[in-house]
Amino acid sequence: YRRHFSAMINHWRSLWNDPELLFLYVQLANFRKRAEQPNDSDWAELRE
C-alpha cells in the first residue's frame, strides 16, 4: 500500500493532466475493540 497509494495519486493526476489536482483522503477509522495491552496492528500500520 505504501508504494501503490502514492503511485495511484500521481497516475490519476496524469489522467487529468493536472499535477496539482487535490487528493483528499480519509484515514482508517477506529474499527475493532481497543486492546488492553499494546500489540501489533495492521490497521495502525496502514494509518501510518
ModelCIF file with pLDDT and N, C-alpha, C, O atoms, coordinates in Angstrom:
data_MODEL
#
_entry.id   MODEL 
#
_entity.id                         1 
_entity.type                       polymer 
_entity.pdbx_number_of_molecules   1 
#
_entity_poly.entity_id                      1 
_entity_poly.type                           'polypeptide(L)' 
_entity_poly.nstd_linkage                   no 
_entity_poly.nstd_monomer                   no 
_entity_poly.pdbx_seq_one_letter_code       YRRHFSAMINHWRSLWNDPELLFLYVQLANFRKRAEQPNDSDWAELRE 
_entity_poly.pdbx_seq_one_letter_code_can   YRRHFSAMINHWRSLWNDPELLFLYVQLANFRKRAEQPNDSDWAELRE 
_entity_poly.pdbx_strand_id                 A 
#
loop_
_entity_poly_seq.entity_id 
_entity_poly_seq.num 
_entity_poly_seq.mon_id 
_entity_poly_seq.hetero 
1 1  TYR n 
1 2  ARG n 
1 3  ARG n 
1 4  HIS n 
1 5  PHE n 
1 6  SER n 
1 7  ALA n 
1 8  MET n 
1 9  ILE n 
1 10 ASN n 
1 11 HIS n 
1 12 TRP n 
1 13 ARG n 
1 14 SER n 
1 15 LEU n 
1 16 TRP n 
1 17 ASN n 
1 18 ASP n 
1 19 PRO n 
1 20 GLU n 
1 21 LEU n 
1 22 LEU n 
1 23 PHE n 
1 24 LEU n 
1 25 TYR n 
1 26 VAL n 
1 27 GLN n 
1 28 LEU n 
1 29 ALA n 
1 30 ASN n 
1 31 PHE n 
1 32 ARG n 
1 33 LYS n 
1 34 ARG n 
1 35 ALA n 
1 36 GLU n 
1 37 GLN n 
1 38 PRO n 
1 39 ASN n 
1 40 ASP n 
1 41 SER n 
1 42 ASP n 
1 43 TRP n 
1 44 ALA n 
1 45 GLU n 
1 46 LEU n 
1 47 ARG n 
1 48 GLU n 
#
_struct_asym.id          A 
_struct_asym.entity_id   1 
#
loop_
_ma_qa_metric.id 
_ma_qa_metric.mode 
_ma_qa_metric.name 
_ma_qa_metric.software_group_id 
_ma_qa_metric.type 
1 global pLDDT . pLDDT 
2 local  pLDDT . pLDDT 
#
_ma_qa_metric_global.metric_id      1 
_ma_qa_metric_global.metric_value   91.50 
_ma_qa_metric_global.model_id       1 
_ma_qa_metric_global.ordinal_id     1 
#
loop_
_ma_qa_metric_local.label_asym_id 
_ma_qa_metric_local.label_comp_id 
_ma_qa_metric_local.label_seq_id 
_ma_qa_metric_local.metric_id 
_ma_qa_metric_local.metric_value 
_ma_qa_metric_local.model_id 
_ma_qa_metric_local.ordinal_id 
A TYR 1  2 90.00 1 1  
A ARG 2  2 90.00 1 2  
A ARG 3  2 87.00 1 3  
A HIS 4  2 88.00 1 4  
A PHE 5  2 93.00 1 5  
A SER 6  2 92.00 1 6  
A ALA 7  2 91.00 1 7  
A MET 8  2 92.00 1 8  
A ILE 9  2 95.00 1 9  
A ASN 10 2 94.00 1 10 
A HIS 11 2 93.00 1 11 
A TRP 12 2 95.00 1 12 
A ARG 13 2 96.00 1 13 
A SER 14 2 95.00 1 14 
A LEU 15 2 95.00 1 15 
A TRP 16 2 96.00 1 16 
A ASN 17 2 96.00 1 17 
A ASP 18 2 96.00 1 18 
A PRO 19 2 94.00 1 19 
A GLU 20 2 93.00 1 20 
A LEU 21 2 95.00 1 21 
A LEU 22 2 95.00 1 22 
A PHE 23 2 96.00 1 23 
A LEU 24 2 96.00 1 24 
A TYR 25 2 96.00 1 25 
A VAL 26 2 96.00 1 26 
A GLN 27 2 95.00 1 27 
A LEU 28 2 93.00 1 28 
A ALA 29 2 92.00 1 29 
A ASN 30 2 90.00 1 30 
A PHE 31 2 87.00 1 31 
A ARG 32 2 81.00 1 32 
A LYS 33 2 81.00 1 33 
A ARG 34 2 81.00 1 34 
A ALA 35 2 83.00 1 35 
A GLU 36 2 87.00 1 36 
A GLN 37 2 88.00 1 37 
A PRO 38 2 85.00 1 38 
A ASN 39 2 88.00 1 39 
A ASP 40 2 89.00 1 40 
A SER 41 2 90.00 1 41 
A ASP 42 2 91.00 1 42 
A TRP 43 2 91.00 1 43 
A ALA 44 2 91.00 1 44 
A GLU 45 2 93.00 1 45 
A LEU 46 2 94.00 1 46 
A ARG 47 2 94.00 1 47 
A GLU 48 2 93.00 1 48 
#
loop_
_atom_site.group_PDB 
_atom_site.id 
_atom_site.type_symbol 
_atom_site.label_atom_id 
_atom_site.label_alt_id 
_atom_site.label_comp_id 
_atom_site.label_asym_id 
_atom_site.label_entity_id 
_atom_site.label_seq_id 
_atom_site.pdbx_PDB_ins_code 
_atom_site.Cartn_x 
_atom_site.Cartn_y 
_atom_site.Cartn_z 
_atom_site.occupancy 
_atom_site.B_iso_or_equiv 
_atom_site.pdbx_formal_charge 
_atom_site.auth_seq_id 
_atom_site.auth_comp_id 
_atom_site.auth_asym_id 
_atom_site.auth_atom_id 
_atom_site.pdbx_PDB_model_num 
ATOM 1   N N  . TYR A 1 1  ? 0.833   -1.212 0.000   1.00 90.00 ? 1  TYR A N  1 
ATOM 2   C CA . TYR A 1 1  ? 0.000   0.000  0.000   1.00 90.00 ? 1  TYR A CA 1 
ATOM 3   C C  . TYR A 1 1  ? 0.864   1.258  0.000   1.00 90.00 ? 1  TYR A C  1 
ATOM 4   O O  . TYR A 1 1  ? 0.532   2.235  -0.671  1.00 90.00 ? 1  TYR A O  1 
ATOM 5   N N  . ARG A 1 2  ? 1.963   1.245  0.740   1.00 90.00 ? 2  ARG A N  1 
ATOM 6   C CA . ARG A 1 2  ? 2.840   2.429  0.798   1.00 90.00 ? 2  ARG A CA 1 
ATOM 7   C C  . ARG A 1 2  ? 3.276   2.853  -0.601  1.00 90.00 ? 2  ARG A C  1 
ATOM 8   O O  . ARG A 1 2  ? 3.302   4.041  -0.922  1.00 90.00 ? 2  ARG A O  1 
ATOM 9   N N  . ARG A 1 3  ? 3.613   1.876  -1.420  1.00 87.00 ? 3  ARG A N  1 
ATOM 10  C CA . ARG A 1 3  ? 4.087   2.172  -2.774  1.00 87.00 ? 3  ARG A CA 1 
ATOM 11  C C  . ARG A 1 3  ? 2.934   2.518  -3.712  1.00 87.00 ? 3  ARG A C  1 
ATOM 12  O O  . ARG A 1 3  ? 3.017   3.465  -4.494  1.00 87.00 ? 3  ARG A O  1 
ATOM 13  N N  . HIS A 1 4  ? 1.869   1.743  -3.622  1.00 88.00 ? 4  HIS A N  1 
ATOM 14  C CA . HIS A 1 4  ? 0.812   1.869  -4.621  1.00 88.00 ? 4  HIS A CA 1 
ATOM 15  C C  . HIS A 1 4  ? -0.052  3.113  -4.434  1.00 88.00 ? 4  HIS A C  1 
ATOM 16  O O  . HIS A 1 4  ? -0.546  3.678  -5.409  1.00 88.00 ? 4  HIS A O  1 
ATOM 17  N N  . PHE A 1 5  ? -0.234  3.539  -3.186  1.00 93.00 ? 5  PHE A N  1 
ATOM 18  C CA . PHE A 1 5  ? -1.132  4.667  -2.947  1.00 93.00 ? 5  PHE A CA 1 
ATOM 19  C C  . PHE A 1 5  ? -0.596  5.940  -3.600  1.00 93.00 ? 5  PHE A C  1 
ATOM 20  O O  . PHE A 1 5  ? -1.328  6.628  -4.312  1.00 93.00 ? 5  PHE A O  1 
ATOM 21  N N  . SER A 1 6  ? 0.667   6.253  -3.362  1.00 92.00 ? 6  SER A N  1 
ATOM 22  C CA . SER A 1 6  ? 1.240   7.451  -3.982  1.00 92.00 ? 6  SER A CA 1 
ATOM 23  C C  . SER A 1 6  ? 1.321   7.302  -5.496  1.00 92.00 ? 6  SER A C  1 
ATOM 24  O O  . SER A 1 6  ? 1.147   8.277  -6.227  1.00 92.00 ? 6  SER A O  1 
ATOM 25  N N  . ALA A 1 7  ? 1.586   6.077  -5.972  1.00 91.00 ? 7  ALA A N  1 
ATOM 26  C CA . ALA A 1 7  ? 1.621   5.851  -7.424  1.00 91.00 ? 7  ALA A CA 1 
ATOM 27  C C  . ALA A 1 7  ? 0.253   6.082  -8.034  1.00 91.00 ? 7  ALA A C  1 
ATOM 28  O O  . ALA A 1 7  ? 0.142   6.632  -9.130  1.00 91.00 ? 7  ALA A O  1 
ATOM 29  N N  . MET A 1 8  ? -0.797  5.663  -7.325  1.00 92.00 ? 8  MET A N  1 
ATOM 30  C CA . MET A 1 8  ? -2.144  5.868  -7.831  1.00 92.00 ? 8  MET A CA 1 
ATOM 31  C C  . MET A 1 8  ? -2.499  7.349  -7.890  1.00 92.00 ? 8  MET A C  1 
ATOM 32  O O  . MET A 1 8  ? -3.112  7.805  -8.855  1.00 92.00 ? 8  MET A O  1 
ATOM 33  N N  . ILE A 1 9  ? -2.114  8.100  -6.860  1.00 95.00 ? 9  ILE A N  1 
ATOM 34  C CA . ILE A 1 9  ? -2.381  9.540  -6.840  1.00 95.00 ? 9  ILE A CA 1 
ATOM 35  C C  . ILE A 1 9  ? -1.738  10.207 -8.050  1.00 95.00 ? 9  ILE A C  1 
ATOM 36  O O  . ILE A 1 9  ? -2.375  10.990 -8.754  1.00 95.00 ? 9  ILE A O  1 
ATOM 37  N N  . ASN A 1 10 ? -0.482  9.888  -8.279  1.00 94.00 ? 10 ASN A N  1 
ATOM 38  C CA . ASN A 1 10 ? 0.230   10.503 -9.405  1.00 94.00 ? 10 ASN A CA 1 
ATOM 39  C C  . ASN A 1 10 ? -0.370  10.075 -10.741 1.00 94.00 ? 10 ASN A C  1 
ATOM 40  O O  . ASN A 1 10 ? -0.414  10.864 -11.684 1.00 94.00 ? 10 ASN A O  1 
ATOM 41  N N  . HIS A 1 11 ? -0.832  8.831  -10.825 1.00 93.00 ? 11 HIS A N  1 
ATOM 42  C CA . HIS A 1 11 ? -1.450  8.362  -12.075 1.00 93.00 ? 11 HIS A CA 1 
ATOM 43  C C  . HIS A 1 11 ? -2.743  9.113  -12.347 1.00 93.00 ? 11 HIS A C  1 
ATOM 44  O O  . HIS A 1 11 ? -2.985  9.547  -13.474 1.00 93.00 ? 11 HIS A O  1 
ATOM 45  N N  . TRP A 1 12 ? -3.575  9.270  -11.324 1.00 95.00 ? 12 TRP A N  1 
ATOM 46  C CA . TRP A 1 12 ? -4.832  10.000 -11.515 1.00 95.00 ? 12 TRP A CA 1 
ATOM 47  C C  . TRP A 1 12 ? -4.555  11.426 -11.977 1.00 95.00 ? 12 TRP A C  1 
ATOM 48  O O  . TRP A 1 12 ? -5.258  11.947 -12.843 1.00 95.00 ? 12 TRP A O  1 
ATOM 49  N N  . ARG A 1 13 ? -3.545  12.051 -11.408 1.00 96.00 ? 13 ARG A N  1 
ATOM 50  C CA . ARG A 1 13 ? -3.215  13.419 -11.830 1.00 96.00 ? 13 ARG A CA 1 
ATOM 51  C C  . ARG A 1 13 ? -2.770  13.462 -13.285 1.00 96.00 ? 13 ARG A C  1 
ATOM 52  O O  . ARG A 1 13 ? -3.051  14.423 -14.001 1.00 96.00 ? 13 ARG A O  1 
ATOM 53  N N  . SER A 1 14 ? -2.083  12.426 -13.711 1.00 95.00 ? 14 SER A N  1 
ATOM 54  C CA . SER A 1 14 ? -1.661  12.393 -15.119 1.00 95.00 ? 14 SER A CA 1 
ATOM 55  C C  . SER A 1 14 ? -2.860  12.250 -16.047 1.00 95.00 ? 14 SER A C  1 
ATOM 56  O O  . SER A 1 14 ? -2.845  12.773 -17.161 1.00 95.00 ? 14 SER A O  1 
ATOM 57  N N  . LEU A 1 15 ? -3.899  11.546 -15.600 1.00 95.00 ? 15 LEU A N  1 
ATOM 58  C CA . LEU A 1 15 ? -5.090  11.383 -16.435 1.00 95.00 ? 15 LEU A CA 1 
ATOM 59  C C  . LEU A 1 15 ? -5.748  12.725 -16.712 1.00 95.00 ? 15 LEU A C  1 
ATOM 60  O O  . LEU A 1 15 ? -6.219  12.973 -17.822 1.00 95.00 ? 15 LEU A O  1 
ATOM 61  N N  . TRP A 1 16 ? -5.780  13.596 -15.700 1.00 96.00 ? 16 TRP A N  1 
ATOM 62  C CA . TRP A 1 16 ? -6.384  14.920 -15.869 1.00 96.00 ? 16 TRP A CA 1 
ATOM 63  C C  . TRP A 1 16 ? -5.349  15.973 -16.269 1.00 96.00 ? 16 TRP A C  1 
ATOM 64  O O  . TRP A 1 16 ? -5.662  17.156 -16.401 1.00 96.00 ? 16 TRP A O  1 
ATOM 65  N N  . ASN A 1 17 ? -4.107  15.515 -16.460 1.00 96.00 ? 17 ASN A N  1 
ATOM 66  C CA . ASN A 1 17 ? -3.038  16.440 -16.844 1.00 96.00 ? 17 ASN A CA 1 
ATOM 67  C C  . ASN A 1 17 ? -2.955  17.617 -15.873 1.00 96.00 ? 17 ASN A C  1 
ATOM 68  O O  . ASN A 1 17 ? -2.811  18.770 -16.280 1.00 96.00 ? 17 ASN A O  1 
ATOM 69  N N  . ASP A 1 18 ? -3.050  17.302 -14.589 1.00 96.00 ? 18 ASP A N  1 
ATOM 70  C CA . ASP A 1 18 ? -3.048  18.339 -13.552 1.00 96.00 ? 18 ASP A CA 1 
ATOM 71  C C  . ASP A 1 18 ? -2.216  17.856 -12.369 1.00 96.00 ? 18 ASP A C  1 
ATOM 72  O O  . ASP A 1 18 ? -2.733  17.145 -11.507 1.00 96.00 ? 18 ASP A O  1 
ATOM 73  N N  . PRO A 1 19 ? -0.923  18.232 -12.309 1.00 94.00 ? 19 PRO A N  1 
ATOM 74  C CA . PRO A 1 19 ? -0.062  17.780 -11.208 1.00 94.00 ? 19 PRO A CA 1 
ATOM 75  C C  . PRO A 1 19 ? -0.468  18.350 -9.858  1.00 94.00 ? 19 PRO A C  1 
ATOM 76  O O  . PRO A 1 19 ? 0.017   17.886 -8.826  1.00 94.00 ? 19 PRO A O  1 
ATOM 77  N N  . GLU A 1 20 ? -1.352  19.353 -9.843  1.00 93.00 ? 20 GLU A N  1 
ATOM 78  C CA . GLU A 1 20 ? -1.783  19.947 -8.582  1.00 93.00 ? 20 GLU A CA 1 
ATOM 79  C C  . GLU A 1 20 ? -3.212  19.548 -8.208  1.00 93.00 ? 20 GLU A C  1 
ATOM 80  O O  . GLU A 1 20 ? -3.817  20.154 -7.323  1.00 93.00 ? 20 GLU A O  1 
ATOM 81  N N  . LEU A 1 21 ? -3.741  18.546 -8.870  1.00 95.00 ? 21 LEU A N  1 
ATOM 82  C CA . LEU A 1 21 ? -5.083  18.060 -8.549  1.00 95.00 ? 21 LEU A CA 1 
ATOM 83  C C  . LEU A 1 21 ? -5.133  17.654 -7.073  1.00 95.00 ? 21 LEU A C  1 
ATOM 84  O O  . LEU A 1 21 ? -4.372  16.789 -6.639  1.00 95.00 ? 21 LEU A O  1 
ATOM 85  N N  . LEU A 1 22 ? -6.019  18.271 -6.313  1.00 95.00 ? 22 LEU A N  1 
ATOM 86  C CA . LEU A 1 22 ? -6.092  17.988 -4.885  1.00 95.00 ? 22 LEU A CA 1 
ATOM 87  C C  . LEU A 1 22 ? -6.593  16.566 -4.651  1.00 95.00 ? 22 LEU A C  1 
ATOM 88  O O  . LEU A 1 22 ? -7.592  16.142 -5.232  1.00 95.00 ? 22 LEU A O  1 
ATOM 89  N N  . PHE A 1 23 ? -5.893  15.847 -3.804  1.00 96.00 ? 23 PHE A N  1 
ATOM 90  C CA . PHE A 1 23 ? -6.284  14.485 -3.450  1.00 96.00 ? 23 PHE A CA 1 
ATOM 91  C C  . PHE A 1 23 ? -6.597  14.456 -1.963  1.00 96.00 ? 23 PHE A C  1 
ATOM 92  O O  . PHE A 1 23 ? -5.690  14.483 -1.132  1.00 96.00 ? 23 PHE A O  1 
ATOM 93  N N  . LEU A 1 24 ? -7.886  14.401 -1.629  1.00 96.00 ? 24 LEU A N  1 
ATOM 94  C CA . LEU A 1 24 ? -8.343  14.309 -0.246  1.00 96.00 ? 24 LEU A CA 1 
ATOM 95  C C  . LEU A 1 24 ? -8.630  12.844 0.079   1.00 96.00 ? 24 LEU A C  1 
ATOM 96  O O  . LEU A 1 24 ? -9.287  12.148 -0.696  1.00 96.00 ? 24 LEU A O  1 
ATOM 97  N N  . TYR A 1 25 ? -8.145  12.389 1.207   1.00 96.00 ? 25 TYR A N  1 
ATOM 98  C CA . TYR A 1 25 ? -8.428  11.007 1.560   1.00 96.00 ? 25 TYR A CA 1 
ATOM 99  C C  . TYR A 1 25 ? -8.703  10.880 3.050   1.00 96.00 ? 25 TYR A C  1 
ATOM 100 O O  . TYR A 1 25 ? -8.278  11.701 3.862   1.00 96.00 ? 25 TYR A O  1 
ATOM 101 N N  . VAL A 1 26 ? -9.435  9.811  3.376   1.00 96.00 ? 26 VAL A N  1 
ATOM 102 C CA . VAL A 1 26 ? -9.893  9.588  4.746   1.00 96.00 ? 26 VAL A CA 1 
ATOM 103 C C  . VAL A 1 26 ? -9.067  8.465  5.372   1.00 96.00 ? 26 VAL A C  1 
ATOM 104 O O  . VAL A 1 26 ? -8.983  7.362  4.831   1.00 96.00 ? 26 VAL A O  1 
ATOM 105 N N  . GLN A 1 27 ? -8.465  8.763  6.509   1.00 95.00 ? 27 GLN A N  1 
ATOM 106 C CA . GLN A 1 27 ? -7.696  7.749  7.230   1.00 95.00 ? 27 GLN A CA 1 
ATOM 107 C C  . GLN A 1 27 ? -8.642  6.733  7.876   1.00 95.00 ? 27 GLN A C  1 
ATOM 108 O O  . GLN A 1 27 ? -9.782  7.056  8.208   1.00 95.00 ? 27 GLN A O  1 
ATOM 109 N N  . LEU A 1 28 ? -8.153  5.509  8.048   1.00 93.00 ? 28 LEU A N  1 
ATOM 110 C CA . LEU A 1 28 ? -8.980  4.467  8.642   1.00 93.00 ? 28 LEU A CA 1 
ATOM 111 C C  . LEU A 1 28 ? -9.535  4.884  9.998   1.00 93.00 ? 28 LEU A C  1 
ATOM 112 O O  . LEU A 1 28 ? -8.835  5.490  10.809  1.00 93.00 ? 28 LEU A O  1 
ATOM 113 N N  . ALA A 1 29 ? -10.792 4.553  10.232  1.00 92.00 ? 29 ALA A N  1 
ATOM 114 C CA . ALA A 1 29 ? -11.448 4.895  11.493  1.00 92.00 ? 29 ALA A CA 1 
ATOM 115 C C  . ALA A 1 29 ? -11.106 3.864  12.576  1.00 92.00 ? 29 ALA A C  1 
ATOM 116 O O  . ALA A 1 29 ? -10.309 2.953  12.353  1.00 92.00 ? 29 ALA A O  1 
ATOM 117 N N  . ASN A 1 30 ? -11.723 4.027  13.753  1.00 90.00 ? 30 ASN A N  1 
ATOM 118 C CA . ASN A 1 30 ? -11.413 3.178  14.912  1.00 90.00 ? 30 ASN A CA 1 
ATOM 119 C C  . ASN A 1 30 ? -12.288 1.932  14.956  1.00 90.00 ? 30 ASN A C  1 
ATOM 120 O O  . ASN A 1 30 ? -13.055 1.729  15.898  1.00 90.00 ? 30 ASN A O  1 
ATOM 121 N N  . PHE A 1 31 ? -12.164 1.105  13.929  1.00 87.00 ? 31 PHE A N  1 
ATOM 122 C CA . PHE A 1 31 ? -12.858 -0.181 13.903  1.00 87.00 ? 31 PHE A CA 1 
ATOM 123 C C  . PHE A 1 31 ? -12.067 -1.191 14.740  1.00 87.00 ? 31 PHE A C  1 
ATOM 124 O O  . PHE A 1 31 ? -10.843 -1.094 14.826  1.00 87.00 ? 31 PHE A O  1 
ATOM 125 N N  . ARG A 1 32 ? -12.741 -2.143 15.347  1.00 81.00 ? 32 ARG A N  1 
ATOM 126 C CA . ARG A 1 32 ? -12.191 -3.178 16.223  1.00 81.00 ? 32 ARG A CA 1 
ATOM 127 C C  . ARG A 1 32 ? -12.114 -2.666 17.667  1.00 81.00 ? 32 ARG A C  1 
ATOM 128 O O  . ARG A 1 32 ? -11.940 -1.475 17.923  1.00 81.00 ? 32 ARG A O  1 
ATOM 129 N N  . LYS A 1 33 ? -12.249 -3.616 18.593  1.00 81.00 ? 33 LYS A N  1 
ATOM 130 C CA . LYS A 1 33 ? -12.198 -3.285 20.007  1.00 81.00 ? 33 LYS A CA 1 
ATOM 131 C C  . LYS A 1 33 ? -10.791 -2.845 20.402  1.00 81.00 ? 33 LYS A C  1 
ATOM 132 O O  . LYS A 1 33 ? -9.799  -3.326 19.855  1.00 81.00 ? 33 LYS A O  1 
ATOM 133 N N  . ARG A 1 34 ? -10.722 -1.926 21.359  1.00 81.00 ? 34 ARG A N  1 
ATOM 134 C CA . ARG A 1 34 ? -9.429  -1.473 21.848  1.00 81.00 ? 34 ARG A CA 1 
ATOM 135 C C  . ARG A 1 34 ? -8.756  -2.586 22.642  1.00 81.00 ? 34 ARG A C  1 
ATOM 136 O O  . ARG A 1 34 ? -9.382  -3.200 23.506  1.00 81.00 ? 34 ARG A O  1 
ATOM 137 N N  . ALA A 1 35 ? -7.483  -2.846 22.352  1.00 83.00 ? 35 ALA A N  1 
ATOM 138 C CA . ALA A 1 35 ? -6.751  -3.892 23.056  1.00 83.00 ? 35 ALA A CA 1 
ATOM 139 C C  . ALA A 1 35 ? -6.365  -3.416 24.459  1.00 83.00 ? 35 ALA A C  1 
ATOM 140 O O  . ALA A 1 35 ? -6.080  -2.237 24.667  1.00 83.00 ? 35 ALA A O  1 
ATOM 141 N N  . GLU A 1 36 ? -6.360  -4.342 25.410  1.00 87.00 ? 36 GLU A N  1 
ATOM 142 C CA . GLU A 1 36 ? -5.984  -3.977 26.777  1.00 87.00 ? 36 GLU A CA 1 
ATOM 143 C C  . GLU A 1 36 ? -4.496  -3.707 26.886  1.00 87.00 ? 36 GLU A C  1 
ATOM 144 O O  . GLU A 1 36 ? -4.073  -2.903 27.717  1.00 87.00 ? 36 GLU A O  1 
ATOM 145 N N  . GLN A 1 37 ? -3.699  -4.364 26.065  1.00 88.00 ? 37 GLN A N  1 
ATOM 146 C CA . GLN A 1 37 ? -2.255  -4.179 26.072  1.00 88.00 ? 37 GLN A CA 1 
ATOM 147 C C  . GLN A 1 37 ? -1.779  -3.838 24.659  1.00 88.00 ? 37 GLN A C  1 
ATOM 148 O O  . GLN A 1 37 ? -2.400  -4.261 23.684  1.00 88.00 ? 37 GLN A O  1 
ATOM 149 N N  . PRO A 1 38 ? -0.686  -3.078 24.535  1.00 85.00 ? 38 PRO A N  1 
ATOM 150 C CA . PRO A 1 38 ? -0.159  -2.761 23.200  1.00 85.00 ? 38 PRO A CA 1 
ATOM 151 C C  . PRO A 1 38 ? 0.184   -4.035 22.432  1.00 85.00 ? 38 PRO A C  1 
ATOM 152 O O  . PRO A 1 38 ? 0.724   -4.984 23.002  1.00 85.00 ? 38 PRO A O  1 
ATOM 153 N N  . ASN A 1 39 ? -0.123  -4.052 21.172  1.00 88.00 ? 39 ASN A N  1 
ATOM 154 C CA . ASN A 1 39 ? 0.219   -5.188 20.328  1.00 88.00 ? 39 ASN A CA 1 
ATOM 155 C C  . ASN A 1 39 ? 0.323   -4.727 18.883  1.00 88.00 ? 39 ASN A C  1 
ATOM 156 O O  . ASN A 1 39 ? 0.041   -3.573 18.562  1.00 88.00 ? 39 ASN A O  1 
ATOM 157 N N  . ASP A 1 40 ? 0.735   -5.649 18.015  1.00 89.00 ? 40 ASP A N  1 
ATOM 158 C CA . ASP A 1 40 ? 0.826   -5.316 16.598  1.00 89.00 ? 40 ASP A CA 1 
ATOM 159 C C  . ASP A 1 40 ? -0.562  -5.110 16.017  1.00 89.00 ? 40 ASP A C  1 
ATOM 160 O O  . ASP A 1 40 ? -1.511  -5.796 16.398  1.00 89.00 ? 40 ASP A O  1 
ATOM 161 N N  . SER A 1 41 ? -0.678  -4.170 15.097  1.00 90.00 ? 41 SER A N  1 
ATOM 162 C CA . SER A 1 41 ? -1.965  -3.879 14.479  1.00 90.00 ? 41 SER A CA 1 
ATOM 163 C C  . SER A 1 41 ? -1.740  -3.478 13.032  1.00 90.00 ? 41 SER A C  1 
ATOM 164 O O  . SER A 1 41 ? -1.096  -2.467 12.753  1.00 90.00 ? 41 SER A O  1 
ATOM 165 N N  . ASP A 1 42 ? -2.275  -4.277 12.108  1.00 91.00 ? 42 ASP A N  1 
ATOM 166 C CA . ASP A 1 42 ? -2.125  -3.925 10.694  1.00 91.00 ? 42 ASP A CA 1 
ATOM 167 C C  . ASP A 1 42 ? -2.905  -2.653 10.364  1.00 91.00 ? 42 ASP A C  1 
ATOM 168 O O  . ASP A 1 42 ? -2.512  -1.900 9.473   1.00 91.00 ? 42 ASP A O  1 
ATOM 169 N N  . TRP A 1 43 ? -4.017  -2.406 11.082  1.00 91.00 ? 43 TRP A N  1 
ATOM 170 C CA . TRP A 1 43 ? -4.767  -1.175 10.844  1.00 91.00 ? 43 TRP A CA 1 
ATOM 171 C C  . TRP A 1 43 ? -3.955  0.042  11.273  1.00 91.00 ? 43 TRP A C  1 
ATOM 172 O O  . TRP A 1 43 ? -3.978  1.070  10.596  1.00 91.00 ? 43 TRP A O  1 
ATOM 173 N N  . ALA A 1 44 ? -3.242  -0.062 12.386  1.00 91.00 ? 44 ALA A N  1 
ATOM 174 C CA . ALA A 1 44 ? -2.395  1.054  12.829  1.00 91.00 ? 44 ALA A CA 1 
ATOM 175 C C  . ALA A 1 44 ? -1.276  1.303  11.825  1.00 91.00 ? 44 ALA A C  1 
ATOM 176 O O  . ALA A 1 44 ? -0.940  2.451  11.533  1.00 91.00 ? 44 ALA A O  1 
ATOM 177 N N  . GLU A 1 45 ? -0.701  0.223  11.297  1.00 93.00 ? 45 GLU A N  1 
ATOM 178 C CA . GLU A 1 45 ? 0.358   0.373  10.308  1.00 93.00 ? 45 GLU A CA 1 
ATOM 179 C C  . GLU A 1 45 ? -0.165  1.017  9.030   1.00 93.00 ? 45 GLU A C  1 
ATOM 180 O O  . GLU A 1 45 ? 0.524   1.818  8.398   1.00 93.00 ? 45 GLU A O  1 
ATOM 181 N N  . LEU A 1 46 ? -1.391  0.657  8.657   1.00 94.00 ? 46 LEU A N  1 
ATOM 182 C CA . LEU A 1 46 ? -1.944  1.268  7.453   1.00 94.00 ? 46 LEU A CA 1 
ATOM 183 C C  . LEU A 1 46 ? -2.239  2.751  7.686   1.00 94.00 ? 46 LEU A C  1 
ATOM 184 O O  . LEU A 1 46 ? -2.052  3.569  6.785   1.00 94.00 ? 46 LEU A O  1 
ATOM 185 N N  . ARG A 1 47 ? -2.697  3.099  8.885   1.00 94.00 ? 47 ARG A N  1 
ATOM 186 C CA . ARG A 1 47 ? -2.909  4.521  9.186   1.00 94.00 ? 47 ARG A CA 1 
ATOM 187 C C  . ARG A 1 47 ? -1.596  5.287  9.062   1.00 94.00 ? 47 ARG A C  1 
ATOM 188 O O  . ARG A 1 47 ? -1.569  6.410  8.561   1.00 94.00 ? 47 ARG A O  1 
ATOM 189 N N  . GLU A 1 48 ? -0.500  4.665  9.528   1.00 93.00 ? 48 GLU A N  1 
ATOM 190 C CA . GLU A 1 48 ? 0.805   5.311  9.396   1.00 93.00 ? 48 GLU A CA 1 
ATOM 191 C C  . GLU A 1 48 ? 1.178   5.493  7.924   1.00 93.00 ? 48 GLU A C  1 
ATOM 192 O O  . GLU A 1 48 ? 2.247   6.022  7.619   1.00 93.00 ? 48 GLU A O  1 
#
